[in-house]
Amino acid sequence: MTTMIEIERPAPASGIAPAKKRILDTADLLFYDEGIRAVGVDRLISASSVTKATFYKHYRSKDRLISEYVDHRHRQAVAELADLLEQESSVEAVLRALQQSISTWISSPEFRGCPFINAAAEFSDPTHPVRRSVITHREWFVGTLEQLLRELGHPLAGDAADDLMLARDGAMTGGYAGDPIAASTALARAFDRVIGDAALA
């Protein structure tokens, strides 16, 4: 494709013990579906079909597993955007595909809002490792948007990236708490406006 942007894919989780992966997969499902604080260690152990000793051998504490969960979600987001960069033929096509991907997720039955916003809401201390991981993810995402918009020729790529990030946040929150169709439509308008501004520059 024409873009010079490259996203470094996360290293594959090769060699991870099956039990450790099963615990993380279980946490990924339960933390997102029910909330991080609502799911206790005993529930995780039971749902993962592991022993308590195995759980603590791999993660030592629930806090460590929570951090792994947030990092896992970040790695998924990086891989998904890297896929779009490989599949699409232009920066505009990447942005359009990203907008469509968000809209599709918002409309899915299993959608429970943005996992990063949800995690941040449960941990009020800005110095907590979970909050730092959320900040790292958000900085990566808005920075990548800025790179894409700069290559698209947007005159205020940084401001426009912030606008798209806020539009994404609003669509995810509104789509879960309210009408997903209205949220997706509003998100599309935000992308149309930002892409249109780049075309006029």
C-alpha atoms as a PDB file:
ATOM      1  CA  MET A   1       0.000   0.000   0.000  1.00  0.00           C
ATOM      2  CA  THR A   2       1.005   3.626  -0.368  1.00  0.00           C
ATOM      3  CA  THR A   3       1.319   4.424   3.320  1.00  0.00           C
ATOM      4  CA  MET A   4       4.758   4.475   4.908  1.00  0.00           C
ATOM      5  CA  ILE A   5       3.301   3.840   8.363  1.00  0.00           C
ATOM      6  CA  GLU A   6       4.384   0.646  10.018  1.00  0.00           C
ATOM      7  CA  ILE A   7       2.974  -0.921  13.137  1.00  0.00           C
ATOM      8  CA  GLU A   8       5.155  -3.327  15.022  1.00  0.00           C
ATOM      9  CA  ARG A   9       3.078  -6.375  15.741  1.00  0.00           C
ATOM     10  CA  PRO A  10       3.195  -7.760  19.265  1.00  0.00           C
ATOM     11  CA  ALA A  11       5.380 -10.807  19.652  1.00  0.00           C
ATOM     12  CA  PRO A  12       3.418 -14.053  19.383  1.00  0.00           C
ATOM     13  CA  ALA A  13       2.651 -15.699  22.684  1.00  0.00           C
ATOM     14  CA  SER A  14       4.572 -18.831  21.786  1.00  0.00           C
ATOM     15  CA  GLY A  15       5.578 -21.163  24.555  1.00  0.00           C
ATOM     16  CA  ILE A  16       2.906 -19.955  26.992  1.00  0.00           C
ATOM     17  CA  ALA A  17       1.728 -22.772  29.221  1.00  0.00           C
ATOM     18  CA  PRO A  18      -1.773 -24.006  28.319  1.00  0.00           C
ATOM     19  CA  ALA A  19      -3.032 -23.429  31.857  1.00  0.00           C
ATOM     20  CA  LYS A  20      -1.690 -19.870  31.908  1.00  0.00           C
ATOM     21  CA  LYS A  21      -3.342 -19.118  28.578  1.00  0.00           C
ATOM     22  CA  ARG A  22      -6.600 -20.648  29.782  1.00  0.00           C
ATOM     23  CA  ILE A  23      -6.576 -18.410  32.852  1.00  0.00           C
ATOM     24  CA  LEU A  24      -5.927 -15.315  30.722  1.00  0.00           C
ATOM     25  CA  ASP A  25      -8.618 -16.276  28.211  1.00  0.00           C
ATOM     26  CA  THR A  26     -11.068 -16.780  31.067  1.00  0.00           C
ATOM     27  CA  ALA A  27     -10.145 -13.453  32.627  1.00  0.00           C
ATOM     28  CA  ASP A  28     -10.487 -11.745  29.246  1.00  0.00           C
ATOM     29  CA  LEU A  29     -14.050 -13.010  28.959  1.00  0.00           C
ATOM     30  CA  LEU A  30     -15.183 -12.483  32.553  1.00  0.00           C
ATOM     31  CA  PHE A  31     -13.455  -9.162  33.234  1.00  0.00           C
ATOM     32  CA  TYR A  32     -14.927  -7.644  30.096  1.00  0.00           C
ATOM     33  CA  ASP A  33     -18.392  -9.155  30.486  1.00  0.00           C
ATOM     34  CA  GLU A  34     -18.908  -8.687  34.226  1.00  0.00           C
ATOM     35  CA  GLY A  35     -16.321  -6.176  35.439  1.00  0.00           C
ATOM     36  CA  ILE A  36     -12.855  -6.627  36.881  1.00  0.00           C
ATOM     37  CA  ARG A  37     -13.638  -6.142  40.563  1.00  0.00           C
ATOM     38  CA  ALA A  38     -16.789  -8.257  40.349  1.00  0.00           C
ATOM     39  CA  VAL A  39     -14.844 -11.389  39.401  1.00  0.00           C
ATOM     40  CA  GLY A  40     -12.924 -12.977  42.265  1.00  0.00           C
ATOM     41  CA  VAL A  41      -9.961 -15.320  42.215  1.00  0.00           C
ATOM     42  CA  ASP A  42     -12.058 -18.346  43.173  1.00  0.00           C
ATOM     43  CA  ARG A  43     -14.364 -17.717  40.226  1.00  0.00           C
ATOM     44  CA  LEU A  44     -11.398 -17.383  37.882  1.00  0.00           C
ATOM     45  CA  ILE A  45      -9.866 -20.615  39.176  1.00  0.00           C
ATOM     46  CA  SER A  46     -13.129 -22.513  38.816  1.00  0.00           C
ATOM     47  CA  ALA A  47     -13.967 -21.162  35.356  1.00  0.00           C
ATOM     48  CA  SER A  48     -10.417 -21.835  34.151  1.00  0.00           C
ATOM     49  CA  SER A  49     -10.470 -25.417  35.458  1.00  0.00           C
ATOM     50  CA  VAL A  50      -7.120 -24.989  37.218  1.00  0.00           C
ATOM     51  CA  THR A  51      -5.993 -25.443  40.781  1.00  0.00           C
ATOM     52  CA  LYS A  52      -5.308 -22.574  43.139  1.00  0.00           C
ATOM     53  CA  ALA A  53      -1.633 -23.523  43.110  1.00  0.00           C
ATOM     54  CA  THR A  54      -1.554 -23.330  39.310  1.00  0.00           C
ATOM     55  CA  PHE A  55      -3.214 -19.923  39.319  1.00  0.00           C
ATOM     56  CA  TYR A  56      -0.703 -18.439  41.752  1.00  0.00           C
ATOM     57  CA  LYS A  57       2.209 -20.142  40.035  1.00  0.00           C
ATOM     58  CA  HIS A  58       1.438 -18.303  36.789  1.00  0.00           C
ATOM     59  CA  TYR A  59       0.061 -14.983  38.019  1.00  0.00           C
ATOM     60  CA  ARG A  60       0.939 -14.690  41.741  1.00  0.00           C
ATOM     61  CA  SER A  61      -1.977 -12.299  42.296  1.00  0.00           C
ATOM     62  CA  LYS A  62      -5.193 -11.059  40.758  1.00  0.00           C
ATOM     63  CA  ASP A  63      -3.578  -7.645  40.236  1.00  0.00           C
ATOM     64  CA  ARG A  64      -0.944  -9.158  37.988  1.00  0.00           C
ATOM     65  CA  LEU A  65      -3.629 -10.967  35.996  1.00  0.00           C
ATOM     66  CA  ILE A  66      -5.576  -7.720  35.625  1.00  0.00           C
ATOM     67  CA  SER A  67      -2.518  -5.997  34.179  1.00  0.00           C
ATOM     68  CA  GLU A  68      -1.989  -8.945  31.819  1.00  0.00           C
ATOM     69  CA  TYR A  69      -5.628  -8.655  30.732  1.00  0.00           C
ATOM     70  CA  VAL A  70      -5.281  -4.960  29.840  1.00  0.00           C
ATOM     71  CA  ASP A  71      -2.006  -5.626  28.019  1.00  0.00           C
ATOM     72  CA  HIS A  72      -3.666  -8.513  26.171  1.00  0.00           C
ATOM     73  CA  ARG A  73      -6.425  -6.193  24.980  1.00  0.00           C
ATOM     74  CA  HIS A  74      -3.790  -3.714  23.823  1.00  0.00           C
ATOM     75  CA  ARG A  75      -1.964  -6.402  21.840  1.00  0.00           C
ATOM     76  CA  GLN A  76      -5.238  -7.351  20.182  1.00  0.00           C
ATOM     77  CA  ALA A  77      -5.875  -3.730  19.170  1.00  0.00           C
ATOM     78  CA  VAL A  78      -2.370  -3.396  17.739  1.00  0.00           C
ATOM     79  CA  ALA A  79      -2.751  -6.597  15.721  1.00  0.00           C
ATOM     80  CA  GLU A  80      -6.160  -5.549  14.392  1.00  0.00           C
ATOM     81  CA  LEU A  81      -4.894  -2.180  13.171  1.00  0.00           C
ATOM     82  CA  ALA A  82      -1.801  -3.816  11.678  1.00  0.00           C
ATOM     83  CA  ASP A  83      -4.142  -6.117   9.748  1.00  0.00           C
ATOM     84  CA  LEU A  84      -6.040  -3.118   8.356  1.00  0.00           C
ATOM     85  CA  LEU A  85      -2.801  -1.510   7.216  1.00  0.00           C
ATOM     86  CA  GLU A  86      -1.897  -4.679   5.331  1.00  0.00           C
ATOM     87  CA  GLN A  87      -5.340  -5.219   3.823  1.00  0.00           C
ATOM     88  CA  GLU A  88      -6.257  -1.720   2.653  1.00  0.00           C
ATOM     89  CA  SER A  89      -4.757   0.158  -0.279  1.00  0.00           C
ATOM     90  CA  SER A  90      -4.755   3.727   1.066  1.00  0.00           C
ATOM     91  CA  VAL A  91      -4.732   5.699   4.296  1.00  0.00           C
ATOM     92  CA  GLU A  92      -8.311   6.794   3.738  1.00  0.00           C
ATOM     93  CA  ALA A  93      -9.347   3.170   3.255  1.00  0.00           C
ATOM     94  CA  VAL A  94      -7.630   2.245   6.520  1.00  0.00           C
ATOM     95  CA  LEU A  95      -9.520   4.985   8.370  1.00  0.00           C
ATOM     96  CA  ARG A  96     -12.823   3.970   6.804  1.00  0.00           C
ATOM     97  CA  ALA A  97     -12.198   0.325   7.679  1.00  0.00           C
ATOM     98  CA  LEU A  98     -11.313   1.298  11.247  1.00  0.00           C
ATOM     99  CA  GLN A  99     -14.540   3.264  11.582  1.00  0.00           C
ATOM    100  CA  GLN A 100     -16.526   0.333  10.220  1.00  0.00           C
ATOM    101  CA  SER A 101     -14.771  -2.094  12.552  1.00  0.00           C
ATOM    102  CA  ILE A 102     -15.680   0.031  15.583  1.00  0.00           C
ATOM    103  CA  SER A 103     -19.289   0.317  14.399  1.00  0.00           C
ATOM    104  CA  THR A 104     -19.569  -3.428  13.859  1.00  0.00           C
ATOM    105  CA  TRP A 105     -18.230  -4.097  17.360  1.00  0.00           C
ATOM    106  CA  ILE A 106     -20.641  -1.594  18.916  1.00  0.00           C
ATOM    107  CA  SER A 107     -23.568  -3.402  17.304  1.00  0.00           C
ATOM    108  CA  SER A 108     -22.487  -6.888  18.377  1.00  0.00           C
ATOM    109  CA  PRO A 109     -24.453  -8.652  21.155  1.00  0.00           C
ATOM    110  CA  GLU A 110     -21.330  -9.220  23.262  1.00  0.00           C
ATOM    111  CA  PHE A 111     -20.327  -5.529  23.279  1.00  0.00           C
ATOM    112  CA  ARG A 112     -19.929  -4.120  26.789  1.00  0.00           C
ATOM    113  CA  GLY A 113     -18.250  -0.807  26.032  1.00  0.00           C
ATOM    114  CA  CYS A 114     -14.575   0.046  25.640  1.00  0.00           C
ATOM    115  CA  PRO A 115     -12.508  -2.364  27.768  1.00  0.00           C
ATOM    116  CA  PHE A 116      -9.917   0.335  28.452  1.00  0.00           C
ATOM    117  CA  ILE A 117     -12.435   2.929  29.604  1.00  0.00           C
ATOM    118  CA  ASN A 118     -14.129   0.248  31.693  1.00  0.00           C
ATOM    119  CA  ALA A 119     -10.819  -0.699  33.323  1.00  0.00           C
ATOM    120  CA  ALA A 120      -9.903   2.933  34.006  1.00  0.00           C
ATOM    121  CA  ALA A 121     -13.290   3.493  35.648  1.00  0.00           C
ATOM    122  CA  GLU A 122     -12.595   0.702  38.134  1.00  0.00           C
ATOM    123  CA  PHE A 123      -9.171   2.019  39.172  1.00  0.00           C
ATOM    124  CA  SER A 124      -9.270   5.642  40.265  1.00  0.00           C
ATOM    125  CA  ASP A 125      -5.593   5.928  41.255  1.00  0.00           C
ATOM    126  CA  PRO A 126      -3.773   7.387  38.221  1.00  0.00           C
ATOM    127  CA  THR A 127      -0.542   5.720  39.348  1.00  0.00           C
ATOM    128  CA  HIS A 128      -2.040   2.221  39.433  1.00  0.00           C
ATOM    129  CA  PRO A 129      -0.432  -0.132  36.879  1.00  0.00           C
ATOM    130  CA  VAL A 130      -3.801  -0.678  35.198  1.00  0.00           C
ATOM    131  CA  ARG A 131      -4.278   3.054  34.666  1.00  0.00           C
ATOM    132  CA  ARG A 132      -0.741   3.351  33.314  1.00  0.00           C
ATOM    133  CA  SER A 133      -1.437   0.509  30.869  1.00  0.00           C
ATOM    134  CA  VAL A 134      -4.647   2.217  29.748  1.00  0.00           C
ATOM    135  CA  ILE A 135      -2.778   5.486  29.198  1.00  0.00           C
ATOM    136  CA  THR A 136      -0.104   3.663  27.207  1.00  0.00           C
ATOM    137  CA  HIS A 137      -2.761   2.131  24.973  1.00  0.00           C
ATOM    138  CA  ARG A 138      -4.559   5.409  24.405  1.00  0.00           C
ATOM    139  CA  GLU A 139      -1.353   7.274  23.624  1.00  0.00           C
ATOM    140  CA  TRP A 140      -0.441   4.576  21.107  1.00  0.00           C
ATOM    141  CA  PHE A 141      -3.864   4.726  19.475  1.00  0.00           C
ATOM    142  CA  VAL A 142      -4.111   8.496  19.154  1.00  0.00           C
ATOM    143  CA  GLY A 143      -0.465   8.644  18.011  1.00  0.00           C
ATOM    144  CA  THR A 144      -1.201   6.132  15.260  1.00  0.00           C
ATOM    145  CA  LEU A 145      -4.257   8.103  14.186  1.00  0.00           C
ATOM    146  CA  GLU A 146      -2.112  11.227  14.030  1.00  0.00           C
ATOM    147  CA  GLN A 147       0.430   9.479  11.786  1.00  0.00           C
ATOM    148  CA  LEU A 148      -2.319   8.298   9.457  1.00  0.00           C
ATOM    149  CA  LEU A 149      -3.930  11.725   9.279  1.00  0.00           C
ATOM    150  CA  ARG A 150      -0.607  13.443   8.691  1.00  0.00           C
ATOM    151  CA  GLU A 151       0.051  11.135   5.765  1.00  0.00           C
ATOM    152  CA  LEU A 152      -3.461  11.799   4.501  1.00  0.00           C
ATOM    153  CA  GLY A 153      -2.520  15.475   4.402  1.00  0.00           C
ATOM    154  CA  HIS A 154      -4.626  16.792   7.276  1.00  0.00           C
ATOM    155  CA  PRO A 155      -3.342  20.259   8.251  1.00  0.00           C
ATOM    156  CA  LEU A 156      -3.982  19.679  11.968  1.00  0.00           C
ATOM    157  CA  ALA A 157      -3.323  15.961  12.286  1.00  0.00           C
ATOM    158  CA  GLY A 158      -2.823  16.004  16.055  1.00  0.00           C
ATOM    159  CA  ASP A 159      -6.055  17.877  16.751  1.00  0.00           C
ATOM    160  CA  ALA A 160      -7.946  15.695  14.299  1.00  0.00           C
ATOM    161  CA  ALA A 161      -6.585  12.533  15.941  1.00  0.00           C
ATOM    162  CA  ASP A 162      -7.842  13.798  19.303  1.00  0.00           C
ATOM    163  CA  ASP A 163     -11.236  14.470  17.703  1.00  0.00           C
ATOM    164  CA  LEU A 164     -11.449  10.921  16.347  1.00  0.00           C
ATOM    165  CA  MET A 165     -10.366   9.444  19.666  1.00  0.00           C
ATOM    166  CA  LEU A 166     -13.075  11.395  21.471  1.00  0.00           C
ATOM    167  CA  ALA A 167     -15.615  10.385  18.828  1.00  0.00           C
ATOM    168  CA  ARG A 168     -14.625   6.755  19.305  1.00  0.00           C
ATOM    169  CA  ASP A 169     -14.950   7.050  23.091  1.00  0.00           C
ATOM    170  CA  GLY A 170     -18.358   8.668  22.755  1.00  0.00           C
ATOM    171  CA  ALA A 171     -19.592   6.115  20.243  1.00  0.00           C
ATOM    172  CA  MET A 172     -18.528   3.215  22.427  1.00  0.00           C
ATOM    173  CA  THR A 173     -20.066   4.690  25.563  1.00  0.00           C
ATOM    174  CA  GLY A 174     -23.233   5.846  23.832  1.00  0.00           C
ATOM    175  CA  GLY A 175     -23.506   2.663  21.827  1.00  0.00           C
ATOM    176  CA  TYR A 176     -23.473   0.531  24.958  1.00  0.00           C
ATOM    177  CA  ALA A 177     -25.623   2.747  27.184  1.00  0.00           C
ATOM    178  CA  GLY A 178     -27.985   3.882  24.446  1.00  0.00           C
ATOM    179  CA  ASP A 179     -28.622   3.387  20.742  1.00  0.00           C
ATOM    180  CA  PRO A 180     -25.770   1.630  18.894  1.00  0.00           C
ATOM    181  CA  ILE A 181     -27.119   2.701  15.493  1.00  0.00           C
ATOM    182  CA  ALA A 182     -27.186   6.365  16.461  1.00  0.00           C
ATOM    183  CA  ALA A 183     -23.719   6.056  17.988  1.00  0.00           C
ATOM    184  CA  SER A 184     -22.304   4.426  14.870  1.00  0.00           C
ATOM    185  CA  THR A 185     -23.917   7.059  12.646  1.00  0.00           C
ATOM    186  CA  ALA A 186     -22.411   9.867  14.730  1.00  0.00           C
ATOM    187  CA  LEU A 187     -19.018   8.154  14.569  1.00  0.00           C
ATOM    188  CA  ALA A 188     -19.269   7.959  10.774  1.00  0.00           C
ATOM    189  CA  ARG A 189     -20.014  11.688  10.630  1.00  0.00           C
ATOM    190  CA  ALA A 190     -16.898  12.417  12.693  1.00  0.00           C
ATOM    191  CA  PHE A 191     -14.716  10.342  10.362  1.00  0.00           C
ATOM    192  CA  ASP A 192     -16.351  11.943   7.307  1.00  0.00           C
ATOM    193  CA  ARG A 193     -15.612  15.415   8.671  1.00  0.00           C
ATOM    194  CA  VAL A 194     -11.981  14.706   9.504  1.00  0.00           C
ATOM    195  CA  ILE A 195     -11.283  12.941   6.201  1.00  0.00           C
ATOM    196  CA  GLY A 196     -13.066  15.729   4.347  1.00  0.00           C
ATOM    197  CA  ASP A 197     -10.906  18.347   6.050  1.00  0.00           C
ATOM    198  CA  ALA A 198      -7.815  16.522   4.810  1.00  0.00           C
ATOM    199  CA  ALA A 199      -9.190  16.458   1.253  1.00  0.00           C
ATOM    200  CA  LEU A 200      -9.717  20.223   1.343  1.00  0.00           C
ATOM    201  CA  ALA A 201      -6.225  21.006   2.613  1.00  0.00           C
END
